[in-house]
């Protein structure tokens, strides 16, 4: 997984694909 701190100073975007992949960056 991924976790963002409570200040949210860094973005984290994610995609879930139809072949069961998750991409987050």
PDBML (XML) file of the C-alpha atoms, coordinates in Angstrom:
<?xml version="1.0" encoding="UTF-8" ?>
<PDBx:datablock datablockName="MODEL"
   xmlns:PDBx="http://pdbml.pdb.org/schema/pdbx-v50.xsd"
   xmlns:xsi="http://www.w3.org/2001/XMLSchema-instance"
   xsi:schemaLocation="http://pdbml.pdb.org/schema/pdbx-v50.xsd pdbx-v50.xsd">
   <PDBx:atom_siteCategory>
      <PDBx:atom_site id="1">
         <PDBx:B_iso_or_equiv>0.00</PDBx:B_iso_or_equiv>
         <PDBx:Cartn_x>0.000</PDBx:Cartn_x>
         <PDBx:Cartn_y>0.000</PDBx:Cartn_y>
         <PDBx:Cartn_z>0.000</PDBx:Cartn_z>
         <PDBx:auth_asym_id>A</PDBx:auth_asym_id>
         <PDBx:auth_atom_id>CA</PDBx:auth_atom_id>
         <PDBx:auth_comp_id>UNK</PDBx:auth_comp_id>
         <PDBx:auth_seq_id>1</PDBx:auth_seq_id>
         <PDBx:group_PDB>ATOM</PDBx:group_PDB>
         <PDBx:label_alt_id xsi:nil="true" />
         <PDBx:label_asym_id>A</PDBx:label_asym_id>
         <PDBx:label_atom_id>CA</PDBx:label_atom_id>
         <PDBx:label_comp_id>UNK</PDBx:label_comp_id>
         <PDBx:label_entity_id>1</PDBx:label_entity_id>
         <PDBx:label_seq_id>1</PDBx:label_seq_id>
         <PDBx:occupancy>1.00</PDBx:occupancy>
         <PDBx:pdbx_PDB_model_num>1</PDBx:pdbx_PDB_model_num>
         <PDBx:type_symbol>C</PDBx:type_symbol>
      </PDBx:atom_site>
      <PDBx:atom_site id="2">
         <PDBx:B_iso_or_equiv>0.00</PDBx:B_iso_or_equiv>
         <PDBx:Cartn_x>0.727</PDBx:Cartn_x>
         <PDBx:Cartn_y>3.667</PDBx:Cartn_y>
         <PDBx:Cartn_z>0.240</PDBx:Cartn_z>
         <PDBx:auth_asym_id>A</PDBx:auth_asym_id>
         <PDBx:auth_atom_id>CA</PDBx:auth_atom_id>
         <PDBx:auth_comp_id>UNK</PDBx:auth_comp_id>
         <PDBx:auth_seq_id>2</PDBx:auth_seq_id>
         <PDBx:group_PDB>ATOM</PDBx:group_PDB>
         <PDBx:label_alt_id xsi:nil="true" />
         <PDBx:label_asym_id>A</PDBx:label_asym_id>
         <PDBx:label_atom_id>CA</PDBx:label_atom_id>
         <PDBx:label_comp_id>UNK</PDBx:label_comp_id>
         <PDBx:label_entity_id>1</PDBx:label_entity_id>
         <PDBx:label_seq_id>2</PDBx:label_seq_id>
         <PDBx:occupancy>1.00</PDBx:occupancy>
         <PDBx:pdbx_PDB_model_num>1</PDBx:pdbx_PDB_model_num>
         <PDBx:type_symbol>C</PDBx:type_symbol>
      </PDBx:atom_site>
      <PDBx:atom_site id="3">
         <PDBx:B_iso_or_equiv>0.00</PDBx:B_iso_or_equiv>
         <PDBx:Cartn_x>0.100</PDBx:Cartn_x>
         <PDBx:Cartn_y>6.165</PDBx:Cartn_y>
         <PDBx:Cartn_z>2.990</PDBx:Cartn_z>
         <PDBx:auth_asym_id>A</PDBx:auth_asym_id>
         <PDBx:auth_atom_id>CA</PDBx:auth_atom_id>
         <PDBx:auth_comp_id>UNK</PDBx:auth_comp_id>
         <PDBx:auth_seq_id>3</PDBx:auth_seq_id>
         <PDBx:group_PDB>ATOM</PDBx:group_PDB>
         <PDBx:label_alt_id xsi:nil="true" />
         <PDBx:label_asym_id>A</PDBx:label_asym_id>
         <PDBx:label_atom_id>CA</PDBx:label_atom_id>
         <PDBx:label_comp_id>UNK</PDBx:label_comp_id>
         <PDBx:label_entity_id>1</PDBx:label_entity_id>
         <PDBx:label_seq_id>3</PDBx:label_seq_id>
         <PDBx:occupancy>1.00</PDBx:occupancy>
         <PDBx:pdbx_PDB_model_num>1</PDBx:pdbx_PDB_model_num>
         <PDBx:type_symbol>C</PDBx:type_symbol>
      </PDBx:atom_site>
      <PDBx:atom_site id="4">
         <PDBx:B_iso_or_equiv>0.00</PDBx:B_iso_or_equiv>
         <PDBx:Cartn_x>-0.060</PDBx:Cartn_x>
         <PDBx:Cartn_y>9.927</PDBx:Cartn_y>
         <PDBx:Cartn_z>2.900</PDBx:Cartn_z>
         <PDBx:auth_asym_id>A</PDBx:auth_asym_id>
         <PDBx:auth_atom_id>CA</PDBx:auth_atom_id>
         <PDBx:auth_comp_id>UNK</PDBx:auth_comp_id>
         <PDBx:auth_seq_id>4</PDBx:auth_seq_id>
         <PDBx:group_PDB>ATOM</PDBx:group_PDB>
         <PDBx:label_alt_id xsi:nil="true" />
         <PDBx:label_asym_id>A</PDBx:label_asym_id>
         <PDBx:label_atom_id>CA</PDBx:label_atom_id>
         <PDBx:label_comp_id>UNK</PDBx:label_comp_id>
         <PDBx:label_entity_id>1</PDBx:label_entity_id>
         <PDBx:label_seq_id>4</PDBx:label_seq_id>
         <PDBx:occupancy>1.00</PDBx:occupancy>
         <PDBx:pdbx_PDB_model_num>1</PDBx:pdbx_PDB_model_num>
         <PDBx:type_symbol>C</PDBx:type_symbol>
      </PDBx:atom_site>
      <PDBx:atom_site id="5">
         <PDBx:B_iso_or_equiv>0.00</PDBx:B_iso_or_equiv>
         <PDBx:Cartn_x>0.693</PDBx:Cartn_x>
         <PDBx:Cartn_y>11.929</PDBx:Cartn_y>
         <PDBx:Cartn_z>6.013</PDBx:Cartn_z>
         <PDBx:auth_asym_id>A</PDBx:auth_asym_id>
         <PDBx:auth_atom_id>CA</PDBx:auth_atom_id>
         <PDBx:auth_comp_id>UNK</PDBx:auth_comp_id>
         <PDBx:auth_seq_id>5</PDBx:auth_seq_id>
         <PDBx:group_PDB>ATOM</PDBx:group_PDB>
         <PDBx:label_alt_id xsi:nil="true" />
         <PDBx:label_asym_id>A</PDBx:label_asym_id>
         <PDBx:label_atom_id>CA</PDBx:label_atom_id>
         <PDBx:label_comp_id>UNK</PDBx:label_comp_id>
         <PDBx:label_entity_id>1</PDBx:label_entity_id>
         <PDBx:label_seq_id>5</PDBx:label_seq_id>
         <PDBx:occupancy>1.00</PDBx:occupancy>
         <PDBx:pdbx_PDB_model_num>1</PDBx:pdbx_PDB_model_num>
         <PDBx:type_symbol>C</PDBx:type_symbol>
      </PDBx:atom_site>
      <PDBx:atom_site id="6">
         <PDBx:B_iso_or_equiv>0.00</PDBx:B_iso_or_equiv>
         <PDBx:Cartn_x>-1.996</PDBx:Cartn_x>
         <PDBx:Cartn_y>14.044</PDBx:Cartn_y>
         <PDBx:Cartn_z>7.662</PDBx:Cartn_z>
         <PDBx:auth_asym_id>A</PDBx:auth_asym_id>
         <PDBx:auth_atom_id>CA</PDBx:auth_atom_id>
         <PDBx:auth_comp_id>UNK</PDBx:auth_comp_id>
         <PDBx:auth_seq_id>6</PDBx:auth_seq_id>
         <PDBx:group_PDB>ATOM</PDBx:group_PDB>
         <PDBx:label_alt_id xsi:nil="true" />
         <PDBx:label_asym_id>A</PDBx:label_asym_id>
         <PDBx:label_atom_id>CA</PDBx:label_atom_id>
         <PDBx:label_comp_id>UNK</PDBx:label_comp_id>
         <PDBx:label_entity_id>1</PDBx:label_entity_id>
         <PDBx:label_seq_id>6</PDBx:label_seq_id>
         <PDBx:occupancy>1.00</PDBx:occupancy>
         <PDBx:pdbx_PDB_model_num>1</PDBx:pdbx_PDB_model_num>
         <PDBx:type_symbol>C</PDBx:type_symbol>
      </PDBx:atom_site>
      <PDBx:atom_site id="7">
         <PDBx:B_iso_or_equiv>0.00</PDBx:B_iso_or_equiv>
         <PDBx:Cartn_x>-0.703</PDBx:Cartn_x>
         <PDBx:Cartn_y>17.249</PDBx:Cartn_y>
         <PDBx:Cartn_z>6.041</PDBx:Cartn_z>
         <PDBx:auth_asym_id>A</PDBx:auth_asym_id>
         <PDBx:auth_atom_id>CA</PDBx:auth_atom_id>
         <PDBx:auth_comp_id>UNK</PDBx:auth_comp_id>
         <PDBx:auth_seq_id>7</PDBx:auth_seq_id>
         <PDBx:group_PDB>ATOM</PDBx:group_PDB>
         <PDBx:label_alt_id xsi:nil="true" />
         <PDBx:label_asym_id>A</PDBx:label_asym_id>
         <PDBx:label_atom_id>CA</PDBx:label_atom_id>
         <PDBx:label_comp_id>UNK</PDBx:label_comp_id>
         <PDBx:label_entity_id>1</PDBx:label_entity_id>
         <PDBx:label_seq_id>7</PDBx:label_seq_id>
         <PDBx:occupancy>1.00</PDBx:occupancy>
         <PDBx:pdbx_PDB_model_num>1</PDBx:pdbx_PDB_model_num>
         <PDBx:type_symbol>C</PDBx:type_symbol>
      </PDBx:atom_site>
      <PDBx:atom_site id="8">
         <PDBx:B_iso_or_equiv>0.00</PDBx:B_iso_or_equiv>
         <PDBx:Cartn_x>-1.100</PDBx:Cartn_x>
         <PDBx:Cartn_y>15.953</PDBx:Cartn_y>
         <PDBx:Cartn_z>2.497</PDBx:Cartn_z>
         <PDBx:auth_asym_id>A</PDBx:auth_asym_id>
         <PDBx:auth_atom_id>CA</PDBx:auth_atom_id>
         <PDBx:auth_comp_id>UNK</PDBx:auth_comp_id>
         <PDBx:auth_seq_id>8</PDBx:auth_seq_id>
         <PDBx:group_PDB>ATOM</PDBx:group_PDB>
         <PDBx:label_alt_id xsi:nil="true" />
         <PDBx:label_asym_id>A</PDBx:label_asym_id>
         <PDBx:label_atom_id>CA</PDBx:label_atom_id>
         <PDBx:label_comp_id>UNK</PDBx:label_comp_id>
         <PDBx:label_entity_id>1</PDBx:label_entity_id>
         <PDBx:label_seq_id>8</PDBx:label_seq_id>
         <PDBx:occupancy>1.00</PDBx:occupancy>
         <PDBx:pdbx_PDB_model_num>1</PDBx:pdbx_PDB_model_num>
         <PDBx:type_symbol>C</PDBx:type_symbol>
      </PDBx:atom_site>
      <PDBx:atom_site id="9">
         <PDBx:B_iso_or_equiv>0.00</PDBx:B_iso_or_equiv>
         <PDBx:Cartn_x>1.902</PDBx:Cartn_x>
         <PDBx:Cartn_y>17.880</PDBx:Cartn_y>
         <PDBx:Cartn_z>1.207</PDBx:Cartn_z>
         <PDBx:auth_asym_id>A</PDBx:auth_asym_id>
         <PDBx:auth_atom_id>CA</PDBx:auth_atom_id>
         <PDBx:auth_comp_id>UNK</PDBx:auth_comp_id>
         <PDBx:auth_seq_id>9</PDBx:auth_seq_id>
         <PDBx:group_PDB>ATOM</PDBx:group_PDB>
         <PDBx:label_alt_id xsi:nil="true" />
         <PDBx:label_asym_id>A</PDBx:label_asym_id>
         <PDBx:label_atom_id>CA</PDBx:label_atom_id>
         <PDBx:label_comp_id>UNK</PDBx:label_comp_id>
         <PDBx:label_entity_id>1</PDBx:label_entity_id>
         <PDBx:label_seq_id>9</PDBx:label_seq_id>
         <PDBx:occupancy>1.00</PDBx:occupancy>
         <PDBx:pdbx_PDB_model_num>1</PDBx:pdbx_PDB_model_num>
         <PDBx:type_symbol>C</PDBx:type_symbol>
      </PDBx:atom_site>
      <PDBx:atom_site id="10">
         <PDBx:B_iso_or_equiv>0.00</PDBx:B_iso_or_equiv>
         <PDBx:Cartn_x>2.771</PDBx:Cartn_x>
         <PDBx:Cartn_y>15.276</PDBx:Cartn_y>
         <PDBx:Cartn_z>-1.441</PDBx:Cartn_z>
         <PDBx:auth_asym_id>A</PDBx:auth_asym_id>
         <PDBx:auth_atom_id>CA</PDBx:auth_atom_id>
         <PDBx:auth_comp_id>UNK</PDBx:auth_comp_id>
         <PDBx:auth_seq_id>10</PDBx:auth_seq_id>
         <PDBx:group_PDB>ATOM</PDBx:group_PDB>
         <PDBx:label_alt_id xsi:nil="true" />
         <PDBx:label_asym_id>A</PDBx:label_asym_id>
         <PDBx:label_atom_id>CA</PDBx:label_atom_id>
         <PDBx:label_comp_id>UNK</PDBx:label_comp_id>
         <PDBx:label_entity_id>1</PDBx:label_entity_id>
         <PDBx:label_seq_id>10</PDBx:label_seq_id>
         <PDBx:occupancy>1.00</PDBx:occupancy>
         <PDBx:pdbx_PDB_model_num>1</PDBx:pdbx_PDB_model_num>
         <PDBx:type_symbol>C</PDBx:type_symbol>
      </PDBx:atom_site>
      <PDBx:atom_site id="11">
         <PDBx:B_iso_or_equiv>0.00</PDBx:B_iso_or_equiv>
         <PDBx:Cartn_x>0.269</PDBx:Cartn_x>
         <PDBx:Cartn_y>14.120</PDBx:Cartn_y>
         <PDBx:Cartn_z>-4.056</PDBx:Cartn_z>
         <PDBx:auth_asym_id>A</PDBx:auth_asym_id>
         <PDBx:auth_atom_id>CA</PDBx:auth_atom_id>
         <PDBx:auth_comp_id>UNK</PDBx:auth_comp_id>
         <PDBx:auth_seq_id>11</PDBx:auth_seq_id>
         <PDBx:group_PDB>ATOM</PDBx:group_PDB>
         <PDBx:label_alt_id xsi:nil="true" />
         <PDBx:label_asym_id>A</PDBx:label_asym_id>
         <PDBx:label_atom_id>CA</PDBx:label_atom_id>
         <PDBx:label_comp_id>UNK</PDBx:label_comp_id>
         <PDBx:label_entity_id>1</PDBx:label_entity_id>
         <PDBx:label_seq_id>11</PDBx:label_seq_id>
         <PDBx:occupancy>1.00</PDBx:occupancy>
         <PDBx:pdbx_PDB_model_num>1</PDBx:pdbx_PDB_model_num>
         <PDBx:type_symbol>C</PDBx:type_symbol>
      </PDBx:atom_site>
      <PDBx:atom_site id="12">
         <PDBx:B_iso_or_equiv>0.00</PDBx:B_iso_or_equiv>
         <PDBx:Cartn_x>-0.469</PDBx:Cartn_x>
         <PDBx:Cartn_y>10.441</PDBx:Cartn_y>
         <PDBx:Cartn_z>-4.589</PDBx:Cartn_z>
         <PDBx:auth_asym_id>A</PDBx:auth_asym_id>
         <PDBx:auth_atom_id>CA</PDBx:auth_atom_id>
         <PDBx:auth_comp_id>UNK</PDBx:auth_comp_id>
         <PDBx:auth_seq_id>12</PDBx:auth_seq_id>
         <PDBx:group_PDB>ATOM</PDBx:group_PDB>
         <PDBx:label_alt_id xsi:nil="true" />
         <PDBx:label_asym_id>A</PDBx:label_asym_id>
         <PDBx:label_atom_id>CA</PDBx:label_atom_id>
         <PDBx:label_comp_id>UNK</PDBx:label_comp_id>
         <PDBx:label_entity_id>1</PDBx:label_entity_id>
         <PDBx:label_seq_id>12</PDBx:label_seq_id>
         <PDBx:occupancy>1.00</PDBx:occupancy>
         <PDBx:pdbx_PDB_model_num>1</PDBx:pdbx_PDB_model_num>
         <PDBx:type_symbol>C</PDBx:type_symbol>
      </PDBx:atom_site>
      <PDBx:atom_site id="13">
         <PDBx:B_iso_or_equiv>0.00</PDBx:B_iso_or_equiv>
         <PDBx:Cartn_x>-2.547</PDBx:Cartn_x>
         <PDBx:Cartn_y>9.472</PDBx:Cartn_y>
         <PDBx:Cartn_z>-7.565</PDBx:Cartn_z>
         <PDBx:auth_asym_id>A</PDBx:auth_asym_id>
         <PDBx:auth_atom_id>CA</PDBx:auth_atom_id>
         <PDBx:auth_comp_id>UNK</PDBx:auth_comp_id>
         <PDBx:auth_seq_id>13</PDBx:auth_seq_id>
         <PDBx:group_PDB>ATOM</PDBx:group_PDB>
         <PDBx:label_alt_id xsi:nil="true" />
         <PDBx:label_asym_id>A</PDBx:label_asym_id>
         <PDBx:label_atom_id>CA</PDBx:label_atom_id>
         <PDBx:label_comp_id>UNK</PDBx:label_comp_id>
         <PDBx:label_entity_id>1</PDBx:label_entity_id>
         <PDBx:label_seq_id>13</PDBx:label_seq_id>
         <PDBx:occupancy>1.00</PDBx:occupancy>
         <PDBx:pdbx_PDB_model_num>1</PDBx:pdbx_PDB_model_num>
         <PDBx:type_symbol>C</PDBx:type_symbol>
      </PDBx:atom_site>
      <PDBx:atom_site id="14">
         <PDBx:B_iso_or_equiv>0.00</PDBx:B_iso_or_equiv>
         <PDBx:Cartn_x>-3.532</PDBx:Cartn_x>
         <PDBx:Cartn_y>5.923</PDBx:Cartn_y>
         <PDBx:Cartn_z>-8.421</PDBx:Cartn_z>
         <PDBx:auth_asym_id>A</PDBx:auth_asym_id>
         <PDBx:auth_atom_id>CA</PDBx:auth_atom_id>
         <PDBx:auth_comp_id>UNK</PDBx:auth_comp_id>
         <PDBx:auth_seq_id>14</PDBx:auth_seq_id>
         <PDBx:group_PDB>ATOM</PDBx:group_PDB>
         <PDBx:label_alt_id xsi:nil="true" />
         <PDBx:label_asym_id>A</PDBx:label_asym_id>
         <PDBx:label_atom_id>CA</PDBx:label_atom_id>
         <PDBx:label_comp_id>UNK</PDBx:label_comp_id>
         <PDBx:label_entity_id>1</PDBx:label_entity_id>
         <PDBx:label_seq_id>14</PDBx:label_seq_id>
         <PDBx:occupancy>1.00</PDBx:occupancy>
         <PDBx:pdbx_PDB_model_num>1</PDBx:pdbx_PDB_model_num>
         <PDBx:type_symbol>C</PDBx:type_symbol>
      </PDBx:atom_site>
      <PDBx:atom_site id="15">
         <PDBx:B_iso_or_equiv>0.00</PDBx:B_iso_or_equiv>
         <PDBx:Cartn_x>-5.114</PDBx:Cartn_x>
         <PDBx:Cartn_y>3.838</PDBx:Cartn_y>
         <PDBx:Cartn_z>-11.162</PDBx:Cartn_z>
         <PDBx:auth_asym_id>A</PDBx:auth_asym_id>
         <PDBx:auth_atom_id>CA</PDBx:auth_atom_id>
         <PDBx:auth_comp_id>UNK</PDBx:auth_comp_id>
         <PDBx:auth_seq_id>15</PDBx:auth_seq_id>
         <PDBx:group_PDB>ATOM</PDBx:group_PDB>
         <PDBx:label_alt_id xsi:nil="true" />
         <PDBx:label_asym_id>A</PDBx:label_asym_id>
         <PDBx:label_atom_id>CA</PDBx:label_atom_id>
         <PDBx:label_comp_id>UNK</PDBx:label_comp_id>
         <PDBx:label_entity_id>1</PDBx:label_entity_id>
         <PDBx:label_seq_id>15</PDBx:label_seq_id>
         <PDBx:occupancy>1.00</PDBx:occupancy>
         <PDBx:pdbx_PDB_model_num>1</PDBx:pdbx_PDB_model_num>
         <PDBx:type_symbol>C</PDBx:type_symbol>
      </PDBx:atom_site>
      <PDBx:atom_site id="16">
         <PDBx:B_iso_or_equiv>0.00</PDBx:B_iso_or_equiv>
         <PDBx:Cartn_x>-6.747</PDBx:Cartn_x>
         <PDBx:Cartn_y>0.418</PDBx:Cartn_y>
         <PDBx:Cartn_z>-10.878</PDBx:Cartn_z>
         <PDBx:auth_asym_id>A</PDBx:auth_asym_id>
         <PDBx:auth_atom_id>CA</PDBx:auth_atom_id>
         <PDBx:auth_comp_id>UNK</PDBx:auth_comp_id>
         <PDBx:auth_seq_id>16</PDBx:auth_seq_id>
         <PDBx:group_PDB>ATOM</PDBx:group_PDB>
         <PDBx:label_alt_id xsi:nil="true" />
         <PDBx:label_asym_id>A</PDBx:label_asym_id>
         <PDBx:label_atom_id>CA</PDBx:label_atom_id>
         <PDBx:label_comp_id>UNK</PDBx:label_comp_id>
         <PDBx:label_entity_id>1</PDBx:label_entity_id>
         <PDBx:label_seq_id>16</PDBx:label_seq_id>
         <PDBx:occupancy>1.00</PDBx:occupancy>
         <PDBx:pdbx_PDB_model_num>1</PDBx:pdbx_PDB_model_num>
         <PDBx:type_symbol>C</PDBx:type_symbol>
      </PDBx:atom_site>
      <PDBx:atom_site id="17">
         <PDBx:B_iso_or_equiv>0.00</PDBx:B_iso_or_equiv>
         <PDBx:Cartn_x>-6.748</PDBx:Cartn_x>
         <PDBx:Cartn_y>-1.474</PDBx:Cartn_y>
         <PDBx:Cartn_z>-14.156</PDBx:Cartn_z>
         <PDBx:auth_asym_id>A</PDBx:auth_asym_id>
         <PDBx:auth_atom_id>CA</PDBx:auth_atom_id>
         <PDBx:auth_comp_id>UNK</PDBx:auth_comp_id>
         <PDBx:auth_seq_id>17</PDBx:auth_seq_id>
         <PDBx:group_PDB>ATOM</PDBx:group_PDB>
         <PDBx:label_alt_id xsi:nil="true" />
         <PDBx:label_asym_id>A</PDBx:label_asym_id>
         <PDBx:label_atom_id>CA</PDBx:label_atom_id>
         <PDBx:label_comp_id>UNK</PDBx:label_comp_id>
         <PDBx:label_entity_id>1</PDBx:label_entity_id>
         <PDBx:label_seq_id>17</PDBx:label_seq_id>
         <PDBx:occupancy>1.00</PDBx:occupancy>
         <PDBx:pdbx_PDB_model_num>1</PDBx:pdbx_PDB_model_num>
         <PDBx:type_symbol>C</PDBx:type_symbol>
      </PDBx:atom_site>
      <PDBx:atom_site id="18">
         <PDBx:B_iso_or_equiv>0.00</PDBx:B_iso_or_equiv>
         <PDBx:Cartn_x>-9.003</PDBx:Cartn_x>
         <PDBx:Cartn_y>-4.196</PDBx:Cartn_y>
         <PDBx:Cartn_z>-15.553</PDBx:Cartn_z>
         <PDBx:auth_asym_id>A</PDBx:auth_asym_id>
         <PDBx:auth_atom_id>CA</PDBx:auth_atom_id>
         <PDBx:auth_comp_id>UNK</PDBx:auth_comp_id>
         <PDBx:auth_seq_id>18</PDBx:auth_seq_id>
         <PDBx:group_PDB>ATOM</PDBx:group_PDB>
         <PDBx:label_alt_id xsi:nil="true" />
         <PDBx:label_asym_id>A</PDBx:label_asym_id>
         <PDBx:label_atom_id>CA</PDBx:label_atom_id>
         <PDBx:label_comp_id>UNK</PDBx:label_comp_id>
         <PDBx:label_entity_id>1</PDBx:label_entity_id>
         <PDBx:label_seq_id>18</PDBx:label_seq_id>
         <PDBx:occupancy>1.00</PDBx:occupancy>
         <PDBx:pdbx_PDB_model_num>1</PDBx:pdbx_PDB_model_num>
         <PDBx:type_symbol>C</PDBx:type_symbol>
      </PDBx:atom_site>
      <PDBx:atom_site id="19">
         <PDBx:B_iso_or_equiv>0.00</PDBx:B_iso_or_equiv>
         <PDBx:Cartn_x>-6.153</PDBx:Cartn_x>
         <PDBx:Cartn_y>-6.729</PDBx:Cartn_y>
         <PDBx:Cartn_z>-15.246</PDBx:Cartn_z>
         <PDBx:auth_asym_id>A</PDBx:auth_asym_id>
         <PDBx:auth_atom_id>CA</PDBx:auth_atom_id>
         <PDBx:auth_comp_id>UNK</PDBx:auth_comp_id>
         <PDBx:auth_seq_id>19</PDBx:auth_seq_id>
         <PDBx:group_PDB>ATOM</PDBx:group_PDB>
         <PDBx:label_alt_id xsi:nil="true" />
         <PDBx:label_asym_id>A</PDBx:label_asym_id>
         <PDBx:label_atom_id>CA</PDBx:label_atom_id>
         <PDBx:label_comp_id>UNK</PDBx:label_comp_id>
         <PDBx:label_entity_id>1</PDBx:label_entity_id>
         <PDBx:label_seq_id>19</PDBx:label_seq_id>
         <PDBx:occupancy>1.00</PDBx:occupancy>
         <PDBx:pdbx_PDB_model_num>1</PDBx:pdbx_PDB_model_num>
         <PDBx:type_symbol>C</PDBx:type_symbol>
      </PDBx:atom_site>
      <PDBx:atom_site id="20">
         <PDBx:B_iso_or_equiv>0.00</PDBx:B_iso_or_equiv>
         <PDBx:Cartn_x>-5.923</PDBx:Cartn_x>
         <PDBx:Cartn_y>-6.287</PDBx:Cartn_y>
         <PDBx:Cartn_z>-11.445</PDBx:Cartn_z>
         <PDBx:auth_asym_id>A</PDBx:auth_asym_id>
         <PDBx:auth_atom_id>CA</PDBx:auth_atom_id>
         <PDBx:auth_comp_id>UNK</PDBx:auth_comp_id>
         <PDBx:auth_seq_id>20</PDBx:auth_seq_id>
         <PDBx:group_PDB>ATOM</PDBx:group_PDB>
         <PDBx:label_alt_id xsi:nil="true" />
         <PDBx:label_asym_id>A</PDBx:label_asym_id>
         <PDBx:label_atom_id>CA</PDBx:label_atom_id>
         <PDBx:label_comp_id>UNK</PDBx:label_comp_id>
         <PDBx:label_entity_id>1</PDBx:label_entity_id>
         <PDBx:label_seq_id>20</PDBx:label_seq_id>
         <PDBx:occupancy>1.00</PDBx:occupancy>
         <PDBx:pdbx_PDB_model_num>1</PDBx:pdbx_PDB_model_num>
         <PDBx:type_symbol>C</PDBx:type_symbol>
      </PDBx:atom_site>
      <PDBx:atom_site id="21">
         <PDBx:B_iso_or_equiv>0.00</PDBx:B_iso_or_equiv>
         <PDBx:Cartn_x>-2.986</PDBx:Cartn_x>
         <PDBx:Cartn_y>-3.898</PDBx:Cartn_y>
         <PDBx:Cartn_z>-11.331</PDBx:Cartn_z>
         <PDBx:auth_asym_id>A</PDBx:auth_asym_id>
         <PDBx:auth_atom_id>CA</PDBx:auth_atom_id>
         <PDBx:auth_comp_id>UNK</PDBx:auth_comp_id>
         <PDBx:auth_seq_id>21</PDBx:auth_seq_id>
         <PDBx:group_PDB>ATOM</PDBx:group_PDB>
         <PDBx:label_alt_id xsi:nil="true" />
         <PDBx:label_asym_id>A</PDBx:label_asym_id>
         <PDBx:label_atom_id>CA</PDBx:label_atom_id>
         <PDBx:label_comp_id>UNK</PDBx:label_comp_id>
         <PDBx:label_entity_id>1</PDBx:label_entity_id>
         <PDBx:label_seq_id>21</PDBx:label_seq_id>
         <PDBx:occupancy>1.00</PDBx:occupancy>
         <PDBx:pdbx_PDB_model_num>1</PDBx:pdbx_PDB_model_num>
         <PDBx:type_symbol>C</PDBx:type_symbol>
      </PDBx:atom_site>
      <PDBx:atom_site id="22">
         <PDBx:B_iso_or_equiv>0.00</PDBx:B_iso_or_equiv>
         <PDBx:Cartn_x>-2.668</PDBx:Cartn_x>
         <PDBx:Cartn_y>-0.813</PDBx:Cartn_y>
         <PDBx:Cartn_z>-9.186</PDBx:Cartn_z>
         <PDBx:auth_asym_id>A</PDBx:auth_asym_id>
         <PDBx:auth_atom_id>CA</PDBx:auth_atom_id>
         <PDBx:auth_comp_id>UNK</PDBx:auth_comp_id>
         <PDBx:auth_seq_id>22</PDBx:auth_seq_id>
         <PDBx:group_PDB>ATOM</PDBx:group_PDB>
         <PDBx:label_alt_id xsi:nil="true" />
         <PDBx:label_asym_id>A</PDBx:label_asym_id>
         <PDBx:label_atom_id>CA</PDBx:label_atom_id>
         <PDBx:label_comp_id>UNK</PDBx:label_comp_id>
         <PDBx:label_entity_id>1</PDBx:label_entity_id>
         <PDBx:label_seq_id>22</PDBx:label_seq_id>
         <PDBx:occupancy>1.00</PDBx:occupancy>
         <PDBx:pdbx_PDB_model_num>1</PDBx:pdbx_PDB_model_num>
         <PDBx:type_symbol>C</PDBx:type_symbol>
      </PDBx:atom_site>
      <PDBx:atom_site id="23">
         <PDBx:B_iso_or_equiv>0.00</PDBx:B_iso_or_equiv>
         <PDBx:Cartn_x>-0.312</PDBx:Cartn_x>
         <PDBx:Cartn_y>1.944</PDBx:Cartn_y>
         <PDBx:Cartn_z>-10.171</PDBx:Cartn_z>
         <PDBx:auth_asym_id>A</PDBx:auth_asym_id>
         <PDBx:auth_atom_id>CA</PDBx:auth_atom_id>
         <PDBx:auth_comp_id>UNK</PDBx:auth_comp_id>
         <PDBx:auth_seq_id>23</PDBx:auth_seq_id>
         <PDBx:group_PDB>ATOM</PDBx:group_PDB>
         <PDBx:label_alt_id xsi:nil="true" />
         <PDBx:label_asym_id>A</PDBx:label_asym_id>
         <PDBx:label_atom_id>CA</PDBx:label_atom_id>
         <PDBx:label_comp_id>UNK</PDBx:label_comp_id>
         <PDBx:label_entity_id>1</PDBx:label_entity_id>
         <PDBx:label_seq_id>23</PDBx:label_seq_id>
         <PDBx:occupancy>1.00</PDBx:occupancy>
         <PDBx:pdbx_PDB_model_num>1</PDBx:pdbx_PDB_model_num>
         <PDBx:type_symbol>C</PDBx:type_symbol>
      </PDBx:atom_site>
      <PDBx:atom_site id="24">
         <PDBx:B_iso_or_equiv>0.00</PDBx:B_iso_or_equiv>
         <PDBx:Cartn_x>0.331</PDBx:Cartn_x>
         <PDBx:Cartn_y>4.727</PDBx:Cartn_y>
         <PDBx:Cartn_z>-7.707</PDBx:Cartn_z>
         <PDBx:auth_asym_id>A</PDBx:auth_asym_id>
         <PDBx:auth_atom_id>CA</PDBx:auth_atom_id>
         <PDBx:auth_comp_id>UNK</PDBx:auth_comp_id>
         <PDBx:auth_seq_id>24</PDBx:auth_seq_id>
         <PDBx:group_PDB>ATOM</PDBx:group_PDB>
         <PDBx:label_alt_id xsi:nil="true" />
         <PDBx:label_asym_id>A</PDBx:label_asym_id>
         <PDBx:label_atom_id>CA</PDBx:label_atom_id>
         <PDBx:label_comp_id>UNK</PDBx:label_comp_id>
         <PDBx:label_entity_id>1</PDBx:label_entity_id>
         <PDBx:label_seq_id>24</PDBx:label_seq_id>
         <PDBx:occupancy>1.00</PDBx:occupancy>
         <PDBx:pdbx_PDB_model_num>1</PDBx:pdbx_PDB_model_num>
         <PDBx:type_symbol>C</PDBx:type_symbol>
      </PDBx:atom_site>
      <PDBx:atom_site id="25">
         <PDBx:B_iso_or_equiv>0.00</PDBx:B_iso_or_equiv>
         <PDBx:Cartn_x>2.777</PDBx:Cartn_x>
         <PDBx:Cartn_y>7.594</PDBx:Cartn_y>
         <PDBx:Cartn_z>-7.967</PDBx:Cartn_z>
         <PDBx:auth_asym_id>A</PDBx:auth_asym_id>
         <PDBx:auth_atom_id>CA</PDBx:auth_atom_id>
         <PDBx:auth_comp_id>UNK</PDBx:auth_comp_id>
         <PDBx:auth_seq_id>25</PDBx:auth_seq_id>
         <PDBx:group_PDB>ATOM</PDBx:group_PDB>
         <PDBx:label_alt_id xsi:nil="true" />
         <PDBx:label_asym_id>A</PDBx:label_asym_id>
         <PDBx:label_atom_id>CA</PDBx:label_atom_id>
         <PDBx:label_comp_id>UNK</PDBx:label_comp_id>
         <PDBx:label_entity_id>1</PDBx:label_entity_id>
         <PDBx:label_seq_id>25</PDBx:label_seq_id>
         <PDBx:occupancy>1.00</PDBx:occupancy>
         <PDBx:pdbx_PDB_model_num>1</PDBx:pdbx_PDB_model_num>
         <PDBx:type_symbol>C</PDBx:type_symbol>
      </PDBx:atom_site>
   </PDBx:atom_siteCategory>
</PDBx:datablock>
